[in-house]
């Protein structure tokens, strides 16, 4: 299982909420990060997973595929995030 999804499930985040987070991630990555931050996941659990994502961004793509979400929307969100950070 994808480590991002595993972390969310380990913290009793419902499948519906997980799909909502990843859908949000494909539409507005900054908003998704705020949502993840508001879930009450302990920082000591969240930080290592976020570091994994930063060093291996394909984890997000894998999670989106595992959840059966729209990959094209993810690519568009990635491009949008790249423009905002550059």
PDB file of N, CA and C in Angstrom:
ATOM      1  N   UNK A   1       0.844  -1.183   0.000  1.00  0.00           N
ATOM      2  CA  UNK A   1       0.000   0.000   0.000  1.00  0.00           C
ATOM      3  C   UNK A   1       0.888   1.245   0.000  1.00  0.00           C
ATOM      4  N   UNK A   2       0.457   2.245  -0.702  1.00  0.00           N
ATOM      5  CA  UNK A   2       1.157   3.520  -0.770  1.00  0.00           C
ATOM      6  C   UNK A   2       1.327   4.087   0.650  1.00  0.00           C
ATOM      7  N   UNK A   3       2.522   4.594   0.999  1.00  0.00           N
ATOM      8  CA  UNK A   3       2.748   5.086   2.368  1.00  0.00           C
ATOM      9  C   UNK A   3       1.866   6.278   2.753  1.00  0.00           C
ATOM     10  N   UNK A   4       1.466   7.086   1.781  1.00  0.00           N
ATOM     11  CA  UNK A   4       0.583   8.215   2.091  1.00  0.00           C
ATOM     12  C   UNK A   4      -0.787   7.688   2.495  1.00  0.00           C
ATOM     13  N   UNK A   5      -1.314   6.764   1.706  1.00  0.00           N
ATOM     14  CA  UNK A   5      -2.617   6.179   2.010  1.00  0.00           C
ATOM     15  C   UNK A   5      -2.548   5.405   3.322  1.00  0.00           C
ATOM     16  N   UNK A   6      -1.461   4.664   3.530  1.00  0.00           N
ATOM     17  CA  UNK A   6      -1.293   3.902   4.773  1.00  0.00           C
ATOM     18  C   UNK A   6      -1.322   4.826   5.990  1.00  0.00           C
ATOM     19  N   UNK A   7      -0.618   5.953   5.908  1.00  0.00           N
ATOM     20  CA  UNK A   7      -0.598   6.908   7.012  1.00  0.00           C
ATOM     21  C   UNK A   7      -2.005   7.411   7.311  1.00  0.00           C
ATOM     22  N   UNK A   8      -2.733   7.772   6.258  1.00  0.00           N
ATOM     23  CA  UNK A   8      -4.086   8.289   6.451  1.00  0.00           C
ATOM     24  C   UNK A   8      -4.988   7.222   7.074  1.00  0.00           C
ATOM     25  N   UNK A   9      -4.905   5.993   6.578  1.00  0.00           N
ATOM     26  CA  UNK A   9      -5.718   4.898   7.121  1.00  0.00           C
ATOM     27  C   UNK A   9      -5.331   4.587   8.567  1.00  0.00           C
ATOM     28  N   UNK A  10      -4.041   4.604   8.873  1.00  0.00           N
ATOM     29  CA  UNK A  10      -3.580   4.343  10.234  1.00  0.00           C
ATOM     30  C   UNK A  10      -4.109   5.380  11.216  1.00  0.00           C
ATOM     31  N   UNK A  11      -4.439   6.553  10.707  1.00  0.00           N
ATOM     32  CA  UNK A  11      -4.967   7.625  11.543  1.00  0.00           C
ATOM     33  C   UNK A  11      -6.484   7.740  11.415  1.00  0.00           C
ATOM     34  N   UNK A  12      -7.101   6.653  10.990  1.00  0.00           N
ATOM     35  CA  UNK A  12      -8.562   6.525  10.937  1.00  0.00           C
ATOM     36  C   UNK A  12      -9.237   7.541  10.022  1.00  0.00           C
ATOM     37  N   UNK A  13      -8.562   7.866   8.927  1.00  0.00           N
ATOM     38  CA  UNK A  13      -9.144   8.731   7.911  1.00  0.00           C
ATOM     39  C   UNK A  13      -9.933   7.816   6.967  1.00  0.00           C
ATOM     40  N   UNK A  14     -11.193   8.148   6.732  1.00  0.00           N
ATOM     41  CA  UNK A  14     -12.050   7.273   5.932  1.00  0.00           C
ATOM     42  C   UNK A  14     -11.612   7.242   4.468  1.00  0.00           C
ATOM     43  N   UNK A  15     -12.002   6.166   3.773  1.00  0.00           N
ATOM     44  CA  UNK A  15     -11.690   6.050   2.347  1.00  0.00           C
ATOM     45  C   UNK A  15     -12.254   7.237   1.577  1.00  0.00           C
ATOM     46  N   UNK A  16     -13.444   7.674   1.961  1.00  0.00           N
ATOM     47  CA  UNK A  16     -14.065   8.821   1.291  1.00  0.00           C
ATOM     48  C   UNK A  16     -13.233  10.085   1.490  1.00  0.00           C
ATOM     49  N   UNK A  17     -12.756  10.312   2.715  1.00  0.00           N
ATOM     50  CA  UNK A  17     -11.917  11.484   2.984  1.00  0.00           C
ATOM     51  C   UNK A  17     -10.598  11.396   2.210  1.00  0.00           C
ATOM     52  N   UNK A  18     -10.038  10.186   2.132  1.00  0.00           N
ATOM     53  CA  UNK A  18      -8.774  10.007   1.411  1.00  0.00           C
ATOM     54  C   UNK A  18      -8.963  10.369  -0.059  1.00  0.00           C
ATOM     55  N   UNK A  19     -10.034   9.883  -0.663  1.00  0.00           N
ATOM     56  CA  UNK A  19     -10.298  10.221  -2.067  1.00  0.00           C
ATOM     57  C   UNK A  19     -10.509  11.718  -2.224  1.00  0.00           C
ATOM     58  N   UNK A  20     -11.202  12.338  -1.267  1.00  0.00           N
ATOM     59  CA  UNK A  20     -11.423  13.781  -1.324  1.00  0.00           C
ATOM     60  C   UNK A  20     -10.099  14.536  -1.267  1.00  0.00           C
ATOM     61  N   UNK A  21      -9.197  14.089  -0.397  1.00  0.00           N
ATOM     62  CA  UNK A  21      -7.890  14.743  -0.273  1.00  0.00           C
ATOM     63  C   UNK A  21      -7.115  14.653  -1.583  1.00  0.00           C
ATOM     64  N   UNK A  22      -7.104  13.461  -2.189  1.00  0.00           N
ATOM     65  CA  UNK A  22      -6.344  13.312  -3.429  1.00  0.00           C
ATOM     66  C   UNK A  22      -7.019  14.004  -4.603  1.00  0.00           C
ATOM     67  N   UNK A  23      -8.336  14.077  -4.600  1.00  0.00           N
ATOM     68  CA  UNK A  23      -9.034  14.855  -5.629  1.00  0.00           C
ATOM     69  C   UNK A  23      -8.672  16.327  -5.465  1.00  0.00           C
ATOM     70  N   UNK A  24      -8.680  16.791  -4.218  1.00  0.00           N
ATOM     71  CA  UNK A  24      -8.298  18.170  -3.917  1.00  0.00           C
ATOM     72  C   UNK A  24      -6.850  18.414  -4.334  1.00  0.00           C
ATOM     73  N   UNK A  25      -6.013  17.413  -4.099  1.00  0.00           N
ATOM     74  CA  UNK A  25      -4.601  17.523  -4.470  1.00  0.00           C
ATOM     75  C   UNK A  25      -4.444  17.722  -5.970  1.00  0.00           C
ATOM     76  N   UNK A  26      -5.298  17.078  -6.761  1.00  0.00           N
ATOM     77  CA  UNK A  26      -5.201  17.237  -8.209  1.00  0.00           C
ATOM     78  C   UNK A  26      -5.766  18.571  -8.675  1.00  0.00           C
ATOM     79  N   UNK A  27      -6.599  19.198  -7.841  1.00  0.00           N
ATOM     80  CA  UNK A  27      -7.215  20.461  -8.243  1.00  0.00           C
ATOM     81  C   UNK A  27      -6.518  21.671  -7.640  1.00  0.00           C
ATOM     82  N   UNK A  28      -6.087  21.540  -6.387  1.00  0.00           N
ATOM     83  CA  UNK A  28      -5.463  22.660  -5.692  1.00  0.00           C
ATOM     84  C   UNK A  28      -4.487  22.102  -4.651  1.00  0.00           C
ATOM     85  N   UNK A  29      -3.246  21.846  -5.049  1.00  0.00           N
ATOM     86  CA  UNK A  29      -2.276  21.209  -4.140  1.00  0.00           C
ATOM     87  C   UNK A  29      -2.055  21.947  -2.829  1.00  0.00           C
ATOM     88  N   UNK A  30      -2.063  23.262  -2.851  1.00  0.00           N
ATOM     89  CA  UNK A  30      -1.831  24.001  -1.612  1.00  0.00           C
ATOM     90  C   UNK A  30      -2.982  23.818  -0.638  1.00  0.00           C
ATOM     91  N   UNK A  31      -4.211  23.781  -1.148  1.00  0.00           N
ATOM     92  CA  UNK A  31      -5.376  23.554  -0.309  1.00  0.00           C
ATOM     93  C   UNK A  31      -5.336  22.145   0.278  1.00  0.00           C
ATOM     94  N   UNK A  32      -4.893  21.174  -0.513  1.00  0.00           N
ATOM     95  CA  UNK A  32      -4.802  19.791  -0.031  1.00  0.00           C
ATOM     96  C   UNK A  32      -3.832  19.696   1.135  1.00  0.00           C
ATOM     97  N   UNK A  33      -2.725  20.411   1.055  1.00  0.00           N
ATOM     98  CA  UNK A  33      -1.757  20.382   2.148  1.00  0.00           C
ATOM     99  C   UNK A  33      -2.374  20.956   3.426  1.00  0.00           C
ATOM    100  N   UNK A  34      -3.166  22.009   3.285  1.00  0.00           N
ATOM    101  CA  UNK A  34      -3.853  22.581   4.449  1.00  0.00           C
ATOM    102  C   UNK A  34      -4.849  21.577   5.025  1.00  0.00           C
ATOM    103  N   UNK A  35      -5.554  20.885   4.152  1.00  0.00           N
ATOM    104  CA  UNK A  35      -6.516  19.875   4.602  1.00  0.00           C
ATOM    105  C   UNK A  35      -5.815  18.761   5.358  1.00  0.00           C
ATOM    106  N   UNK A  36      -4.704  18.277   4.800  1.00  0.00           N
ATOM    107  CA  UNK A  36      -3.948  17.212   5.462  1.00  0.00           C
ATOM    108  C   UNK A  36      -3.470  17.692   6.832  1.00  0.00           C
ATOM    109  N   UNK A  37      -3.026  18.926   6.896  1.00  0.00           N
ATOM    110  CA  UNK A  37      -2.568  19.491   8.163  1.00  0.00           C
ATOM    111  C   UNK A  37      -3.661  19.605   9.205  1.00  0.00           C
ATOM    112  N   UNK A  38      -4.917  19.713   8.757  1.00  0.00           N
ATOM    113  CA  UNK A  38      -6.031  19.875   9.694  1.00  0.00           C
ATOM    114  C   UNK A  38      -6.620  18.546  10.163  1.00  0.00           C
ATOM    115  N   UNK A  39      -6.072  17.425   9.717  1.00  0.00           N
ATOM    116  CA  UNK A  39      -6.627  16.119  10.068  1.00  0.00           C
ATOM    117  C   UNK A  39      -6.230  15.639  11.454  1.00  0.00           C
ATOM    118  N   UNK A  40      -5.305  16.322  12.078  1.00  0.00           N
ATOM    119  CA  UNK A  40      -4.892  15.939  13.420  1.00  0.00           C
ATOM    120  C   UNK A  40      -3.891  14.794  13.454  1.00  0.00           C
ATOM    121  N   UNK A  41      -3.210  14.552  12.340  1.00  0.00           N
ATOM    122  CA  UNK A  41      -2.192  13.507  12.308  1.00  0.00           C
ATOM    123  C   UNK A  41      -0.971  14.037  13.048  1.00  0.00           C
ATOM    124  N   UNK A  42      -0.458  13.254  13.994  1.00  0.00           N
ATOM    125  CA  UNK A  42       0.716  13.728  14.750  1.00  0.00           C
ATOM    126  C   UNK A  42       1.877  14.080  13.818  1.00  0.00           C
ATOM    127  N   UNK A  43       2.535  15.187  14.102  1.00  0.00           N
ATOM    128  CA  UNK A  43       3.624  15.683  13.280  1.00  0.00           C
ATOM    129  C   UNK A  43       4.728  14.653  13.100  1.00  0.00           C
ATOM    130  N   UNK A  44       4.996  13.866  14.164  1.00  0.00           N
ATOM    131  CA  UNK A  44       6.068  12.872  14.070  1.00  0.00           C
ATOM    132  C   UNK A  44       5.730  11.740  13.101  1.00  0.00           C
ATOM    133  N   UNK A  45       4.438  11.558  12.771  1.00  0.00           N
ATOM    134  CA  UNK A  45       4.042  10.580  11.761  1.00  0.00           C
ATOM    135  C   UNK A  45       3.959  11.220  10.377  1.00  0.00           C
ATOM    136  N   UNK A  46       3.496  12.453  10.344  1.00  0.00           N
ATOM    137  CA  UNK A  46       3.284  13.145   9.071  1.00  0.00           C
ATOM    138  C   UNK A  46       4.601  13.544   8.407  1.00  0.00           C
ATOM    139  N   UNK A  47       5.531  14.042   9.189  1.00  0.00           N
ATOM    140  CA  UNK A  47       6.777  14.565   8.624  1.00  0.00           C
ATOM    141  C   UNK A  47       7.574  13.526   7.823  1.00  0.00           C
ATOM    142  N   UNK A  48       7.770  12.291   8.329  1.00  0.00           N
ATOM    143  CA  UNK A  48       8.534  11.328   7.523  1.00  0.00           C
ATOM    144  C   UNK A  48       7.863  11.002   6.181  1.00  0.00           C
ATOM    145  N   UNK A  49       6.545  10.950   6.170  1.00  0.00           N
ATOM    146  CA  UNK A  49       5.847  10.668   4.913  1.00  0.00           C
ATOM    147  C   UNK A  49       5.993  11.850   3.961  1.00  0.00           C
ATOM    148  N   UNK A  50       5.901  13.056   4.478  1.00  0.00           N
ATOM    149  CA  UNK A  50       6.066  14.236   3.629  1.00  0.00           C
ATOM    150  C   UNK A  50       7.485  14.284   3.060  1.00  0.00           C
ATOM    151  N   UNK A  51       8.478  13.863   3.845  1.00  0.00           N
ATOM    152  CA  UNK A  51       9.847  13.808   3.344  1.00  0.00           C
ATOM    153  C   UNK A  51       9.962  12.769   2.225  1.00  0.00           C
ATOM    154  N   UNK A  52       9.275  11.635   2.379  1.00  0.00           N
ATOM    155  CA  UNK A  52       9.266  10.621   1.323  1.00  0.00           C
ATOM    156  C   UNK A  52       8.685  11.201   0.043  1.00  0.00           C
ATOM    157  N   UNK A  53       7.603  11.958   0.182  1.00  0.00           N
ATOM    158  CA  UNK A  53       6.947  12.554  -0.990  1.00  0.00           C
ATOM    159  C   UNK A  53       7.884  13.551  -1.661  1.00  0.00           C
ATOM    160  N   UNK A  54       8.587  14.335  -0.859  1.00  0.00           N
ATOM    161  CA  UNK A  54       9.483  15.337  -1.439  1.00  0.00           C
ATOM    162  C   UNK A  54      10.651  14.682  -2.170  1.00  0.00           C
ATOM    163  N   UNK A  55      11.125  13.546  -1.667  1.00  0.00           N
ATOM    164  CA  UNK A  55      12.243  12.875  -2.324  1.00  0.00           C
ATOM    165  C   UNK A  55      11.776  11.920  -3.419  1.00  0.00           C
ATOM    166  N   UNK A  56      10.497  11.546  -3.391  1.00  0.00           N
ATOM    167  CA  UNK A  56       9.952  10.628  -4.381  1.00  0.00           C
ATOM    168  C   UNK A  56       8.533  11.063  -4.747  1.00  0.00           C
ATOM    169  N   UNK A  57       8.408  12.141  -5.538  1.00  0.00           N
ATOM    170  CA  UNK A  57       7.080  12.676  -5.867  1.00  0.00           C
ATOM    171  C   UNK A  57       6.168  11.676  -6.581  1.00  0.00           C
ATOM    172  N   UNK A  58       6.739  10.616  -7.127  1.00  0.00           N
ATOM    173  CA  UNK A  58       5.891   9.638  -7.806  1.00  0.00           C
ATOM    174  C   UNK A  58       4.962   8.918  -6.828  1.00  0.00           C
ATOM    175  N   UNK A  59       5.213   9.043  -5.518  1.00  0.00           N
ATOM    176  CA  UNK A  59       4.310   8.454  -4.527  1.00  0.00           C
ATOM    177  C   UNK A  59       2.904   9.025  -4.649  1.00  0.00           C
ATOM    178  N   UNK A  60       2.805  10.306  -4.978  1.00  0.00           N
ATOM    179  CA  UNK A  60       1.486  10.918  -5.157  1.00  0.00           C
ATOM    180  C   UNK A  60       0.816  10.312  -6.383  1.00  0.00           C
ATOM    181  N   UNK A  61       1.569  10.173  -7.453  1.00  0.00           N
ATOM    182  CA  UNK A  61       1.033   9.578  -8.675  1.00  0.00           C
ATOM    183  C   UNK A  61       0.567   8.145  -8.416  1.00  0.00           C
ATOM    184  N   UNK A  62       1.364   7.388  -7.662  1.00  0.00           N
ATOM    185  CA  UNK A  62       0.995   6.013  -7.320  1.00  0.00           C
ATOM    186  C   UNK A  62      -0.283   5.978  -6.488  1.00  0.00           C
ATOM    187  N   UNK A  63      -0.401   6.899  -5.534  1.00  0.00           N
ATOM    188  CA  UNK A  63      -1.599   6.937  -4.688  1.00  0.00           C
ATOM    189  C   UNK A  63      -2.828   7.285  -5.516  1.00  0.00           C
ATOM    190  N   UNK A  64      -2.688   8.238  -6.427  1.00  0.00           N
ATOM    191  CA  UNK A  64      -3.806   8.627  -7.288  1.00  0.00           C
ATOM    192  C   UNK A  64      -4.242   7.430  -8.134  1.00  0.00           C
ATOM    193  N   UNK A  65      -3.274   6.695  -8.666  1.00  0.00           N
ATOM    194  CA  UNK A  65      -3.592   5.507  -9.465  1.00  0.00           C
ATOM    195  C   UNK A  65      -4.248   4.438  -8.594  1.00  0.00           C
ATOM    196  N   UNK A  66      -3.730   4.240  -7.393  1.00  0.00           N
ATOM    197  CA  UNK A  66      -4.278   3.232  -6.480  1.00  0.00           C
ATOM    198  C   UNK A  66      -5.725   3.548  -6.118  1.00  0.00           C
ATOM    199  N   UNK A  67      -6.040   4.837  -6.037  1.00  0.00           N
ATOM    200  CA  UNK A  67      -7.401   5.253  -5.695  1.00  0.00           C
ATOM    201  C   UNK A  67      -8.307   5.325  -6.918  1.00  0.00           C
ATOM    202  N   UNK A  68      -7.725   5.166  -8.116  1.00  0.00           N
ATOM    203  CA  UNK A  68      -8.524   5.203  -9.338  1.00  0.00           C
ATOM    204  C   UNK A  68      -8.974   6.605  -9.723  1.00  0.00           C
ATOM    205  N   UNK A  69      -8.163   7.603  -9.397  1.00  0.00           N
ATOM    206  CA  UNK A  69      -8.512   8.990  -9.705  1.00  0.00           C
ATOM    207  C   UNK A  69      -7.906   9.416 -11.040  1.00  0.00           C
ATOM    208  N   UNK A  70      -8.224  10.624 -11.473  1.00  0.00           N
ATOM    209  CA  UNK A  70      -7.849  11.164 -12.778  1.00  0.00           C
ATOM    210  C   UNK A  70      -6.385  11.599 -12.809  1.00  0.00           C
ATOM    211  N   UNK A  71      -5.558  10.858 -13.565  1.00  0.00           N
ATOM    212  CA  UNK A  71      -4.131  11.171 -13.670  1.00  0.00           C
ATOM    213  C   UNK A  71      -3.891  12.478 -14.431  1.00  0.00           C
ATOM    214  N   UNK A  72      -4.706  12.784 -15.418  1.00  0.00           N
ATOM    215  CA  UNK A  72      -4.528  14.025 -16.190  1.00  0.00           C
ATOM    216  C   UNK A  72      -4.693  15.235 -15.284  1.00  0.00           C
ATOM    217  N   UNK A  73      -5.646  15.165 -14.365  1.00  0.00           N
ATOM    218  CA  UNK A  73      -5.855  16.269 -13.434  1.00  0.00           C
ATOM    219  C   UNK A  73      -4.645  16.422 -12.512  1.00  0.00           C
ATOM    220  N   UNK A  74      -4.029  15.305 -12.137  1.00  0.00           N
ATOM    221  CA  UNK A  74      -2.830  15.369 -11.305  1.00  0.00           C
ATOM    222  C   UNK A  74      -1.695  16.062 -12.046  1.00  0.00           C
ATOM    223  N   UNK A  75      -1.502  15.723 -13.299  1.00  0.00           N
ATOM    224  CA  UNK A  75      -0.444  16.352 -14.092  1.00  0.00           C
ATOM    225  C   UNK A  75      -0.681  17.856 -14.230  1.00  0.00           C
ATOM    226  N   UNK A  76      -1.933  18.247 -14.408  1.00  0.00           N
ATOM    227  CA  UNK A  76      -2.273  19.668 -14.516  1.00  0.00           C
ATOM    228  C   UNK A  76      -1.984  20.370 -13.188  1.00  0.00           C
ATOM    229  N   UNK A  77      -2.319  19.736 -12.084  1.00  0.00           N
ATOM    230  CA  UNK A  77      -2.066  20.325 -10.765  1.00  0.00           C
ATOM    231  C   UNK A  77      -0.572  20.464 -10.526  1.00  0.00           C
ATOM    232  N   UNK A  78       0.202  19.462 -10.941  1.00  0.00           N
ATOM    233  CA  UNK A  78       1.656  19.520 -10.791  1.00  0.00           C
ATOM    234  C   UNK A  78       2.232  20.700 -11.558  1.00  0.00           C
ATOM    235  N   UNK A  79       1.759  20.900 -12.780  1.00  0.00           N
ATOM    236  CA  UNK A  79       2.221  22.028 -13.581  1.00  0.00           C
ATOM    237  C   UNK A  79       1.853  23.356 -12.922  1.00  0.00           C
ATOM    238  N   UNK A  80       0.641  23.411 -12.370  1.00  0.00           N
ATOM    239  CA  UNK A  80       0.188  24.628 -11.691  1.00  0.00           C
ATOM    240  C   UNK A  80       1.055  24.897 -10.468  1.00  0.00           C
ATOM    241  N   UNK A  81       1.361  23.869  -9.692  1.00  0.00           N
ATOM    242  CA  UNK A  81       2.193  24.033  -8.500  1.00  0.00           C
ATOM    243  C   UNK A  81       3.606  24.463  -8.891  1.00  0.00           C
ATOM    244  N   UNK A  82       4.147  23.879  -9.961  1.00  0.00           N
ATOM    245  CA  UNK A  82       5.468  24.257 -10.437  1.00  0.00           C
ATOM    246  C   UNK A  82       5.508  25.739 -10.807  1.00  0.00           C
ATOM    247  N   UNK A  83       4.458  26.239 -11.446  1.00  0.00           N
ATOM    248  CA  UNK A  83       4.397  27.654 -11.833  1.00  0.00           C
ATOM    249  C   UNK A  83       4.335  28.550 -10.594  1.00  0.00           C
ATOM    250  N   UNK A  84       3.594  28.118  -9.573  1.00  0.00           N
ATOM    251  CA  UNK A  84       3.448  28.936  -8.366  1.00  0.00           C
ATOM    252  C   UNK A  84       4.720  28.990  -7.550  1.00  0.00           C
ATOM    253  N   UNK A  85       5.531  27.915  -7.609  1.00  0.00           N
ATOM    254  CA  UNK A  85       6.749  27.882  -6.813  1.00  0.00           C
ATOM    255  C   UNK A  85       7.954  28.427  -7.545  1.00  0.00           C
ATOM    256  N   UNK A  86       7.839  28.674  -8.839  1.00  0.00           N
ATOM    257  CA  UNK A  86       8.986  29.202  -9.603  1.00  0.00           C
ATOM    258  C   UNK A  86       8.841  30.668  -9.862  1.00  0.00           C
TER     259      UNK A  86
END
